[in-house]
């Protein structure tokens, strides 16, 4: 085999392997200065989000055949707070896909997690002590005893799109959300 044939074979194998990637990030909408770096592979959706401004960011993914090999995609994200402002809460909204049944980890660098609330289409995190540096959703840095979240692929087909939108609640909205959760807890206690 000549060097040229070997090179063509290697490049062909790399091209074929590259086409088996997981959900393909097809577009992003970010606030000024916010940056997304996508690391999605195999059956995993993974990205870093650098927040220069505490504004929303939307990531649109296109489903590929490899994503449908398992009932769930593994999901993690590393969110860096570069704004210099306190992060009192953080939320992820899903459109076109839902969270799977297992909860993953939420790990702030310096703050303290107050509550983590998950529905099929939303993950809401509040901090009892604000986060100024970074937040790990799932296990983006492969720490022991930390777990990725799951995204359910049921009902999806190759070519379908789903959107993950991050949002940072304003402190006033956070206060309202905490008051609402407190009222729900009081009603629940009263019923018992």
N, C-alpha and C. Protein backbone atom coordinates (compact mmCIF):
# COMPACT_ATOMS: atom_id res chain seq x y z
N UNK A 1 0.85 -1.17 0.00
CA UNK A 1 0.00 0.00 0.00
C UNK A 1 0.90 1.24 0.00
N UNK A 2 0.60 2.19 -0.85
CA UNK A 2 1.42 3.39 -0.93
C UNK A 2 1.00 4.37 0.17
N UNK A 3 1.85 5.33 0.39
CA UNK A 3 1.56 6.37 1.38
C UNK A 3 0.28 7.12 1.01
N UNK A 4 0.10 7.37 -0.29
CA UNK A 4 -1.10 8.08 -0.75
C UNK A 4 -2.35 7.26 -0.45
N UNK A 5 -2.34 5.95 -0.71
CA UNK A 5 -3.49 5.10 -0.44
C UNK A 5 -3.77 5.05 1.07
N UNK A 6 -2.71 4.97 1.87
CA UNK A 6 -2.87 4.95 3.32
C UNK A 6 -3.50 6.25 3.81
N UNK A 7 -3.03 7.38 3.30
CA UNK A 7 -3.56 8.68 3.68
C UNK A 7 -5.04 8.80 3.31
N UNK A 8 -5.40 8.37 2.10
CA UNK A 8 -6.79 8.40 1.66
C UNK A 8 -7.66 7.51 2.55
N UNK A 9 -7.16 6.34 2.93
CA UNK A 9 -7.91 5.43 3.80
C UNK A 9 -8.13 6.05 5.17
N UNK A 10 -7.10 6.64 5.74
CA UNK A 10 -7.21 7.27 7.06
C UNK A 10 -8.19 8.43 7.01
N UNK A 11 -8.10 9.29 5.99
CA UNK A 11 -9.02 10.42 5.87
C UNK A 11 -10.45 9.95 5.68
N UNK A 12 -10.65 8.91 4.91
CA UNK A 12 -11.99 8.35 4.71
C UNK A 12 -12.55 7.81 6.01
N UNK A 13 -11.74 7.11 6.79
CA UNK A 13 -12.19 6.58 8.08
C UNK A 13 -12.54 7.70 9.04
N UNK A 14 -11.74 8.77 9.03
CA UNK A 14 -12.03 9.91 9.90
C UNK A 14 -13.33 10.58 9.49
N UNK A 15 -13.57 10.73 8.22
CA UNK A 15 -14.81 11.35 7.74
C UNK A 15 -16.01 10.51 8.13
N UNK A 16 -15.89 9.18 8.01
CA UNK A 16 -16.99 8.30 8.37
C UNK A 16 -17.24 8.36 9.87
N UNK A 17 -16.18 8.35 10.68
CA UNK A 17 -16.33 8.43 12.14
C UNK A 17 -16.94 9.76 12.53
N UNK A 18 -16.58 10.85 11.87
CA UNK A 18 -17.12 12.15 12.19
C UNK A 18 -18.60 12.25 11.91
N UNK A 19 -19.12 11.50 10.96
CA UNK A 19 -20.54 11.58 10.64
C UNK A 19 -21.41 10.87 11.68
N UNK A 20 -20.82 10.14 12.61
CA UNK A 20 -21.58 9.42 13.62
C UNK A 20 -21.69 10.22 14.92
N UNK A 21 -21.41 11.51 14.88
CA UNK A 21 -21.52 12.34 16.07
C UNK A 21 -22.94 12.36 16.59
N UNK A 22 -23.06 12.82 17.81
CA UNK A 22 -24.38 12.94 18.43
C UNK A 22 -25.09 14.15 17.87
N UNK A 23 -26.10 14.58 18.61
CA UNK A 23 -26.89 15.73 18.19
C UNK A 23 -25.96 16.83 17.70
N UNK A 24 -26.28 17.35 16.54
CA UNK A 24 -25.44 18.35 15.89
C UNK A 24 -25.93 19.74 16.26
N UNK A 25 -25.06 20.55 16.86
CA UNK A 25 -25.42 21.92 17.17
C UNK A 25 -25.55 22.68 15.87
N UNK A 26 -26.79 23.07 15.52
CA UNK A 26 -27.01 23.72 14.23
C UNK A 26 -27.08 25.23 14.32
N UNK A 27 -27.42 25.78 15.50
CA UNK A 27 -27.40 27.24 15.65
C UNK A 27 -27.42 27.63 17.12
N UNK A 28 -26.94 28.83 17.39
CA UNK A 28 -27.00 29.40 18.73
C UNK A 28 -27.48 30.84 18.65
N UNK A 29 -28.19 31.26 19.67
CA UNK A 29 -28.60 32.65 19.83
C UNK A 29 -28.14 33.06 21.21
N UNK A 30 -27.23 34.02 21.29
CA UNK A 30 -26.67 34.39 22.58
C UNK A 30 -26.74 35.89 22.79
N UNK A 31 -26.63 36.28 24.06
CA UNK A 31 -26.49 37.68 24.39
C UNK A 31 -25.10 38.15 23.99
N UNK A 32 -24.93 39.44 23.87
CA UNK A 32 -23.65 40.01 23.46
C UNK A 32 -22.53 39.54 24.38
N UNK A 33 -21.49 38.98 23.80
CA UNK A 33 -20.33 38.55 24.57
C UNK A 33 -20.42 37.13 25.12
N UNK A 34 -21.61 36.52 25.13
CA UNK A 34 -21.73 35.14 25.59
C UNK A 34 -21.20 34.20 24.52
N UNK A 35 -20.52 33.14 24.95
CA UNK A 35 -19.88 32.22 24.00
C UNK A 35 -20.28 30.78 24.36
N UNK A 36 -20.62 30.00 23.32
CA UNK A 36 -20.93 28.58 23.48
C UNK A 36 -19.85 27.77 22.79
N UNK A 37 -19.33 26.74 23.48
CA UNK A 37 -18.41 25.78 22.89
C UNK A 37 -19.05 24.41 23.03
N UNK A 38 -19.32 23.75 21.91
CA UNK A 38 -20.02 22.48 21.91
C UNK A 38 -19.02 21.32 21.93
N UNK A 39 -19.28 20.33 22.80
CA UNK A 39 -18.44 19.14 22.92
C UNK A 39 -19.25 17.86 22.72
N UNK A 40 -20.41 17.95 22.10
CA UNK A 40 -21.28 16.80 21.94
C UNK A 40 -20.62 15.71 21.11
N UNK A 41 -20.73 14.46 21.60
CA UNK A 41 -20.18 13.30 20.89
C UNK A 41 -21.06 12.10 21.16
N UNK A 42 -20.96 11.08 20.31
CA UNK A 42 -21.69 9.84 20.54
C UNK A 42 -23.13 10.08 20.91
N UNK A 43 -23.55 9.66 22.07
CA UNK A 43 -24.91 9.89 22.54
C UNK A 43 -24.90 10.84 23.72
N UNK A 44 -24.10 11.89 23.62
CA UNK A 44 -23.97 12.87 24.70
C UNK A 44 -24.09 14.28 24.14
N UNK A 45 -24.90 15.11 24.81
CA UNK A 45 -24.99 16.53 24.52
C UNK A 45 -24.19 17.24 25.62
N UNK A 46 -23.18 18.00 25.22
CA UNK A 46 -22.29 18.63 26.18
C UNK A 46 -21.81 19.96 25.62
N UNK A 47 -21.84 21.00 26.46
CA UNK A 47 -21.35 22.30 26.02
C UNK A 47 -20.85 23.12 27.20
N UNK A 48 -20.00 24.09 26.89
CA UNK A 48 -19.60 25.13 27.83
C UNK A 48 -20.32 26.39 27.43
N UNK A 49 -20.79 27.13 28.41
CA UNK A 49 -21.47 28.40 28.17
C UNK A 49 -20.77 29.46 29.01
N UNK A 50 -20.13 30.41 28.34
CA UNK A 50 -19.46 31.52 29.02
C UNK A 50 -20.39 32.72 29.00
N UNK A 51 -20.85 33.13 30.19
CA UNK A 51 -21.81 34.22 30.31
C UNK A 51 -21.08 35.54 30.62
N UNK A 52 -20.82 36.32 29.60
CA UNK A 52 -20.27 37.66 29.82
C UNK A 52 -21.39 38.58 30.29
N UNK A 53 -22.61 38.29 29.86
CA UNK A 53 -23.81 38.99 30.32
C UNK A 53 -24.79 37.94 30.81
N UNK A 54 -25.55 38.26 31.83
CA UNK A 54 -26.51 37.31 32.37
C UNK A 54 -27.79 37.37 31.54
N UNK A 55 -27.67 36.99 30.28
CA UNK A 55 -28.82 36.98 29.37
C UNK A 55 -29.03 35.56 28.85
N UNK A 56 -30.18 35.33 28.23
CA UNK A 56 -30.50 33.97 27.78
C UNK A 56 -29.66 33.58 26.56
N UNK A 57 -29.49 32.28 26.43
CA UNK A 57 -28.79 31.70 25.29
C UNK A 57 -29.59 30.49 24.83
N UNK A 58 -29.82 30.37 23.53
CA UNK A 58 -30.54 29.22 22.97
C UNK A 58 -29.62 28.44 22.06
N UNK A 59 -29.63 27.12 22.22
CA UNK A 59 -28.85 26.22 21.39
C UNK A 59 -29.82 25.28 20.67
N UNK A 60 -29.75 25.24 19.35
CA UNK A 60 -30.61 24.36 18.57
C UNK A 60 -29.78 23.19 18.06
N UNK A 61 -30.24 21.99 18.39
CA UNK A 61 -29.56 20.76 17.98
C UNK A 61 -30.42 20.00 16.97
N UNK A 62 -29.76 19.32 16.05
CA UNK A 62 -30.42 18.45 15.08
C UNK A 62 -30.10 17.00 15.44
N UNK A 63 -31.15 16.17 15.53
CA UNK A 63 -30.99 14.77 15.91
C UNK A 63 -30.37 13.99 14.76
N UNK A 64 -29.36 13.17 15.08
CA UNK A 64 -28.73 12.30 14.10
C UNK A 64 -29.00 10.84 14.49
N UNK A 65 -28.72 9.92 13.60
CA UNK A 65 -29.02 8.50 13.82
C UNK A 65 -28.39 7.96 15.10
N UNK A 66 -27.17 8.34 15.42
CA UNK A 66 -26.49 7.85 16.61
C UNK A 66 -27.22 8.24 17.89
N UNK A 67 -27.98 9.34 17.85
CA UNK A 67 -28.71 9.80 19.04
C UNK A 67 -29.86 8.87 19.40
N UNK A 68 -30.35 8.12 18.41
CA UNK A 68 -31.53 7.29 18.63
C UNK A 68 -31.17 5.85 18.99
N UNK A 69 -29.88 5.56 19.14
CA UNK A 69 -29.43 4.20 19.48
C UNK A 69 -29.82 3.83 20.91
N UNK A 70 -29.97 4.83 21.79
CA UNK A 70 -30.34 4.61 23.18
C UNK A 70 -31.58 5.44 23.49
N UNK A 71 -32.33 5.06 24.52
CA UNK A 71 -33.54 5.85 24.84
C UNK A 71 -33.22 7.22 25.44
N UNK A 72 -31.97 7.43 25.87
CA UNK A 72 -31.60 8.70 26.49
C UNK A 72 -30.26 9.19 25.97
N UNK A 73 -30.16 10.50 25.82
CA UNK A 73 -28.88 11.15 25.58
C UNK A 73 -28.35 11.59 26.94
N UNK A 74 -27.08 11.46 27.15
CA UNK A 74 -26.45 11.98 28.35
C UNK A 74 -26.28 13.49 28.15
N UNK A 75 -26.48 14.29 29.21
CA UNK A 75 -26.41 15.75 29.08
C UNK A 75 -25.61 16.35 30.22
N UNK A 76 -24.66 17.23 29.85
CA UNK A 76 -23.95 18.03 30.85
C UNK A 76 -23.55 19.37 30.25
N UNK A 77 -23.32 20.32 31.13
CA UNK A 77 -22.90 21.66 30.70
C UNK A 77 -22.04 22.29 31.79
N UNK A 78 -21.07 23.06 31.36
CA UNK A 78 -20.26 23.85 32.27
C UNK A 78 -20.60 25.31 31.98
N UNK A 79 -21.14 26.00 32.97
CA UNK A 79 -21.56 27.39 32.81
C UNK A 79 -20.61 28.27 33.60
N UNK A 80 -19.92 29.16 32.90
CA UNK A 80 -18.99 30.09 33.56
C UNK A 80 -19.64 31.46 33.67
N UNK A 81 -19.63 32.00 34.86
CA UNK A 81 -20.16 33.34 35.10
C UNK A 81 -19.02 34.34 34.97
N UNK A 82 -18.90 34.96 33.79
CA UNK A 82 -17.84 35.93 33.54
C UNK A 82 -18.33 37.37 33.70
N UNK A 83 -19.57 37.52 34.15
CA UNK A 83 -20.21 38.84 34.20
C UNK A 83 -19.73 39.68 35.38
N UNK A 84 -19.22 39.03 36.43
CA UNK A 84 -18.85 39.76 37.63
C UNK A 84 -20.04 39.97 38.56
N UNK A 85 -21.23 39.59 38.12
CA UNK A 85 -22.44 39.72 38.93
C UNK A 85 -22.73 38.41 39.65
N UNK A 86 -23.45 38.54 40.76
CA UNK A 86 -23.85 37.35 41.50
C UNK A 86 -24.90 36.57 40.72
N UNK A 87 -24.75 35.28 40.69
CA UNK A 87 -25.72 34.39 40.06
C UNK A 87 -26.57 33.81 41.18
N UNK A 88 -27.84 34.24 41.26
CA UNK A 88 -28.74 33.77 42.32
C UNK A 88 -29.57 32.57 41.87
N UNK A 89 -29.65 32.37 40.56
CA UNK A 89 -30.42 31.26 40.02
C UNK A 89 -30.03 31.02 38.58
N UNK A 90 -30.41 29.86 38.07
CA UNK A 90 -30.12 29.52 36.69
C UNK A 90 -31.17 28.52 36.25
N UNK A 91 -31.60 28.61 34.99
CA UNK A 91 -32.62 27.69 34.49
C UNK A 91 -32.28 27.23 33.08
N UNK A 92 -32.68 26.01 32.78
CA UNK A 92 -32.59 25.47 31.43
C UNK A 92 -34.00 25.06 31.00
N UNK A 93 -34.40 25.49 29.81
CA UNK A 93 -35.70 25.14 29.25
C UNK A 93 -35.47 24.28 28.02
N UNK A 94 -36.27 23.22 27.88
CA UNK A 94 -36.17 22.32 26.74
C UNK A 94 -37.39 22.48 25.86
N UNK A 95 -37.17 22.46 24.55
CA UNK A 95 -38.26 22.49 23.59
C UNK A 95 -37.97 21.43 22.53
N UNK A 96 -38.88 20.47 22.36
CA UNK A 96 -38.68 19.41 21.38
C UNK A 96 -38.03 18.16 21.95
N UNK A 97 -37.68 18.19 23.22
CA UNK A 97 -37.10 17.05 23.93
C UNK A 97 -37.42 17.24 25.40
N UNK A 98 -37.32 16.18 26.19
CA UNK A 98 -37.64 16.28 27.62
C UNK A 98 -36.52 15.64 28.44
N UNK A 99 -36.47 16.03 29.71
CA UNK A 99 -35.52 15.38 30.62
C UNK A 99 -35.97 13.95 30.86
N UNK A 100 -35.00 13.05 31.01
CA UNK A 100 -35.28 11.66 31.35
C UNK A 100 -35.61 11.54 32.83
N UNK A 101 -35.86 10.32 33.30
CA UNK A 101 -36.33 10.13 34.67
C UNK A 101 -35.26 10.34 35.75
N UNK A 102 -33.99 10.15 35.43
CA UNK A 102 -32.95 10.24 36.46
C UNK A 102 -32.42 11.67 36.58
N UNK A 103 -32.30 12.12 37.82
CA UNK A 103 -31.71 13.44 38.06
C UNK A 103 -30.19 13.34 38.03
N UNK A 104 -29.56 14.37 37.52
CA UNK A 104 -28.12 14.46 37.51
C UNK A 104 -27.63 15.36 38.63
N UNK A 105 -26.37 15.71 38.57
CA UNK A 105 -25.74 16.55 39.59
C UNK A 105 -25.80 18.02 39.20
N UNK A 106 -25.78 18.88 40.20
CA UNK A 106 -25.61 20.32 40.03
C UNK A 106 -24.55 20.74 41.04
N UNK A 107 -23.42 21.26 40.54
CA UNK A 107 -22.30 21.57 41.41
C UNK A 107 -21.78 22.97 41.15
N UNK A 108 -22.00 23.93 42.07
CA UNK A 108 -21.40 25.25 41.91
C UNK A 108 -19.95 25.24 42.39
N UNK A 109 -19.16 26.17 41.88
CA UNK A 109 -17.76 26.25 42.29
C UNK A 109 -17.62 26.82 43.70
N UNK A 110 -18.34 27.90 44.01
CA UNK A 110 -18.21 28.55 45.31
C UNK A 110 -19.53 28.77 46.02
N UNK A 111 -20.61 28.94 45.28
CA UNK A 111 -21.92 29.17 45.89
C UNK A 111 -22.47 27.89 46.49
N UNK A 112 -23.69 27.98 46.99
CA UNK A 112 -24.37 26.83 47.57
C UNK A 112 -25.70 26.65 46.87
N UNK A 113 -26.02 25.43 46.49
CA UNK A 113 -27.29 25.15 45.85
C UNK A 113 -28.38 25.18 46.91
N UNK A 114 -29.43 25.95 46.62
CA UNK A 114 -30.59 25.99 47.50
C UNK A 114 -31.59 24.92 47.09
N UNK A 115 -32.13 25.06 45.88
CA UNK A 115 -33.09 24.08 45.38
C UNK A 115 -32.78 23.73 43.92
N UNK A 116 -33.13 22.52 43.54
CA UNK A 116 -33.07 22.08 42.15
C UNK A 116 -34.44 21.49 41.85
N UNK A 117 -35.13 22.09 40.88
CA UNK A 117 -36.47 21.63 40.51
C UNK A 117 -36.45 21.22 39.05
N UNK A 118 -36.93 20.01 38.76
CA UNK A 118 -36.93 19.50 37.40
C UNK A 118 -38.33 19.08 37.01
N UNK A 119 -38.74 19.52 35.82
CA UNK A 119 -39.94 18.99 35.18
C UNK A 119 -39.47 18.41 33.85
N UNK A 120 -40.40 17.92 33.03
CA UNK A 120 -39.99 17.37 31.74
C UNK A 120 -39.24 18.39 30.89
N UNK A 121 -39.66 19.66 30.96
CA UNK A 121 -39.09 20.66 30.08
C UNK A 121 -38.32 21.77 30.75
N UNK A 122 -38.04 21.65 32.05
CA UNK A 122 -37.35 22.75 32.74
C UNK A 122 -36.51 22.21 33.90
N UNK A 123 -35.33 22.81 34.04
CA UNK A 123 -34.46 22.57 35.19
C UNK A 123 -34.20 23.93 35.81
N UNK A 124 -34.69 24.14 37.04
CA UNK A 124 -34.53 25.42 37.73
C UNK A 124 -33.64 25.23 38.95
N UNK A 125 -32.61 26.06 39.06
CA UNK A 125 -31.64 25.98 40.15
C UNK A 125 -31.64 27.32 40.87
N UNK A 126 -31.76 27.29 42.18
CA UNK A 126 -31.59 28.50 42.98
C UNK A 126 -30.39 28.28 43.90
N UNK A 127 -29.73 29.35 44.22
CA UNK A 127 -28.55 29.28 45.08
C UNK A 127 -28.86 29.92 46.43
N UNK A 128 -28.53 29.23 47.53
CA UNK A 128 -28.70 29.83 48.85
C UNK A 128 -27.56 30.81 49.13
N UNK A 129 -26.42 30.59 48.51
CA UNK A 129 -25.32 31.55 48.50
C UNK A 129 -24.97 31.76 47.03
N UNK A 130 -24.90 33.00 46.56
CA UNK A 130 -24.71 33.26 45.12
C UNK A 130 -23.44 32.64 44.55
N UNK A 131 -23.52 32.33 43.26
CA UNK A 131 -22.37 31.78 42.53
C UNK A 131 -21.74 32.90 41.71
N UNK A 132 -20.45 33.08 41.85
CA UNK A 132 -19.74 34.12 41.10
C UNK A 132 -18.81 33.55 40.03
N UNK A 133 -18.57 32.24 40.03
CA UNK A 133 -17.57 31.67 39.12
C UNK A 133 -18.18 30.74 38.09
N UNK A 134 -18.45 29.48 38.45
CA UNK A 134 -18.96 28.53 37.47
C UNK A 134 -19.88 27.52 38.11
N UNK A 135 -20.64 26.87 37.25
CA UNK A 135 -21.65 25.91 37.66
C UNK A 135 -21.54 24.69 36.75
N UNK A 136 -21.51 23.49 37.33
CA UNK A 136 -21.49 22.25 36.56
C UNK A 136 -22.88 21.64 36.61
N UNK A 137 -23.48 21.47 35.45
CA UNK A 137 -24.76 20.78 35.35
C UNK A 137 -24.44 19.41 34.78
N UNK A 138 -24.70 18.37 35.56
CA UNK A 138 -24.22 17.05 35.19
C UNK A 138 -22.78 16.91 35.62
N UNK A 139 -22.00 16.22 34.82
CA UNK A 139 -20.60 15.96 35.19
C UNK A 139 -19.66 16.28 34.03
N UNK A 140 -19.52 17.57 33.68
CA UNK A 140 -18.69 17.91 32.52
C UNK A 140 -17.19 17.72 32.74
N UNK A 141 -16.74 17.63 33.98
CA UNK A 141 -15.30 17.48 34.24
C UNK A 141 -14.95 16.11 34.84
N UNK A 142 -15.88 15.17 34.72
CA UNK A 142 -15.67 13.77 35.12
C UNK A 142 -15.22 13.61 36.57
N UNK A 143 -15.96 14.23 37.49
CA UNK A 143 -15.69 14.09 38.92
C UNK A 143 -16.32 12.81 39.45
N UNK A 144 -15.71 12.25 40.47
CA UNK A 144 -16.29 11.06 41.12
C UNK A 144 -17.60 11.46 41.80
N UNK A 145 -18.56 10.56 41.81
CA UNK A 145 -19.86 10.75 42.47
C UNK A 145 -20.70 11.89 41.90
N UNK A 146 -20.47 12.29 40.66
CA UNK A 146 -21.30 13.28 39.96
C UNK A 146 -21.89 12.59 38.74
N UNK A 147 -23.10 12.99 38.37
CA UNK A 147 -23.82 12.28 37.32
C UNK A 147 -24.41 13.23 36.30
N UNK A 148 -24.39 12.80 35.03
CA UNK A 148 -25.02 13.57 33.96
C UNK A 148 -26.54 13.48 34.06
N UNK A 149 -27.20 14.44 33.47
CA UNK A 149 -28.64 14.43 33.32
C UNK A 149 -28.96 13.60 32.09
N UNK A 150 -30.22 13.27 31.89
CA UNK A 150 -30.66 12.52 30.73
C UNK A 150 -31.66 13.33 29.92
N UNK A 151 -31.59 13.19 28.60
CA UNK A 151 -32.57 13.76 27.69
C UNK A 151 -33.24 12.59 26.98
N UNK A 152 -34.57 12.49 27.06
CA UNK A 152 -35.31 11.37 26.48
C UNK A 152 -35.46 11.55 24.97
N UNK A 153 -35.12 10.52 24.22
CA UNK A 153 -35.21 10.58 22.75
C UNK A 153 -36.50 9.99 22.21
N UNK A 154 -37.40 9.52 23.08
CA UNK A 154 -38.66 8.90 22.63
C UNK A 154 -39.43 9.88 21.73
N UNK A 155 -39.89 9.38 20.62
CA UNK A 155 -40.68 10.18 19.70
C UNK A 155 -39.88 11.03 18.72
N UNK A 156 -38.55 11.01 18.86
CA UNK A 156 -37.71 11.79 17.95
C UNK A 156 -37.30 10.96 16.74
N UNK A 157 -37.04 11.63 15.64
CA UNK A 157 -36.56 10.99 14.42
C UNK A 157 -35.35 11.75 13.90
N UNK A 158 -34.58 11.10 13.06
CA UNK A 158 -33.41 11.74 12.46
C UNK A 158 -33.87 13.02 11.74
N UNK A 159 -33.17 14.11 12.00
CA UNK A 159 -33.51 15.39 11.38
C UNK A 159 -34.37 16.29 12.26
N UNK A 160 -35.00 15.73 13.31
CA UNK A 160 -35.77 16.56 14.24
C UNK A 160 -34.83 17.52 14.95
N UNK A 161 -35.39 18.62 15.40
CA UNK A 161 -34.60 19.61 16.14
C UNK A 161 -35.14 19.77 17.55
N UNK A 162 -34.23 20.07 18.47
CA UNK A 162 -34.64 20.44 19.82
C UNK A 162 -33.79 21.62 20.27
N UNK A 163 -34.35 22.38 21.21
CA UNK A 163 -33.70 23.61 21.66
C UNK A 163 -33.49 23.54 23.17
N UNK A 164 -32.30 23.93 23.60
CA UNK A 164 -31.97 24.10 25.01
C UNK A 164 -31.73 25.59 25.22
N UNK A 165 -32.52 26.20 26.09
CA UNK A 165 -32.39 27.64 26.36
C UNK A 165 -32.00 27.84 27.81
N UNK A 166 -30.94 28.60 28.03
CA UNK A 166 -30.53 28.93 29.39
C UNK A 166 -31.08 30.31 29.74
N UNK A 167 -31.41 30.48 31.00
CA UNK A 167 -31.92 31.77 31.46
C UNK A 167 -31.43 32.01 32.87
N UNK A 168 -31.16 33.26 33.16
CA UNK A 168 -30.77 33.67 34.50
C UNK A 168 -31.90 34.52 35.05
N UNK A 169 -32.65 33.99 36.03
CA UNK A 169 -33.75 34.79 36.57
C UNK A 169 -33.24 36.05 37.26
N UNK A 170 -33.97 37.14 37.08
CA UNK A 170 -33.62 38.37 37.79
C UNK A 170 -33.95 38.18 39.26
N UNK A 171 -33.24 38.85 40.16
CA UNK A 171 -33.49 38.66 41.59
C UNK A 171 -34.95 38.84 41.98
N UNK A 172 -35.67 39.75 41.35
CA UNK A 172 -37.10 39.94 41.65
C UNK A 172 -37.91 38.72 41.27
N UNK A 173 -37.62 38.14 40.11
CA UNK A 173 -38.30 36.91 39.69
C UNK A 173 -37.96 35.76 40.61
N UNK A 174 -36.73 35.72 41.06
CA UNK A 174 -36.29 34.67 41.96
C UNK A 174 -37.05 34.75 43.28
N UNK A 175 -37.23 35.96 43.79
CA UNK A 175 -37.98 36.15 45.03
C UNK A 175 -39.41 35.67 44.86
N UNK A 176 -40.04 36.02 43.74
CA UNK A 176 -41.40 35.55 43.47
C UNK A 176 -41.46 34.03 43.37
N UNK A 177 -40.47 33.44 42.71
CA UNK A 177 -40.44 32.00 42.57
C UNK A 177 -40.30 31.32 43.93
N UNK A 178 -39.41 31.84 44.78
CA UNK A 178 -39.23 31.26 46.11
C UNK A 178 -40.49 31.44 46.96
N UNK A 179 -41.15 32.59 46.85
CA UNK A 179 -42.40 32.81 47.59
C UNK A 179 -43.47 31.83 47.13
N UNK A 180 -43.56 31.60 45.84
CA UNK A 180 -44.53 30.64 45.30
C UNK A 180 -44.26 29.24 45.78
N UNK A 181 -42.98 28.87 45.80
CA UNK A 181 -42.62 27.53 46.28
C UNK A 181 -42.95 27.40 47.78
N UNK A 182 -42.74 28.47 48.53
CA UNK A 182 -43.08 28.46 49.95
C UNK A 182 -44.57 28.31 50.18
N UNK A 183 -45.37 29.01 49.37
CA UNK A 183 -46.82 28.91 49.48
C UNK A 183 -47.29 27.50 49.15
N UNK A 184 -46.69 26.89 48.13
CA UNK A 184 -47.04 25.51 47.77
C UNK A 184 -46.70 24.56 48.91
N UNK A 185 -45.57 24.77 49.56
CA UNK A 185 -45.16 23.92 50.68
C UNK A 185 -46.13 24.06 51.85
N UNK A 186 -46.58 25.30 52.11
CA UNK A 186 -47.54 25.52 53.20
C UNK A 186 -48.86 24.81 52.90
N UNK A 187 -49.34 24.92 51.67
CA UNK A 187 -50.59 24.25 51.30
C UNK A 187 -50.46 22.74 51.42
N UNK A 188 -49.33 22.24 51.05
CA UNK A 188 -49.08 20.79 51.11
C UNK A 188 -49.09 20.31 52.56
N UNK A 189 -48.47 21.08 53.45
CA UNK A 189 -48.46 20.73 54.88
C UNK A 189 -49.87 20.78 55.46
N UNK A 190 -50.61 21.79 55.04
CA UNK A 190 -51.96 21.98 55.55
C UNK A 190 -52.84 20.79 55.18
N UNK A 191 -52.65 20.25 53.96
CA UNK A 191 -53.46 19.11 53.49
C UNK A 191 -53.16 17.85 54.29
N UNK A 192 -51.91 17.72 54.75
CA UNK A 192 -51.53 16.52 55.54
C UNK A 192 -52.09 16.66 56.91
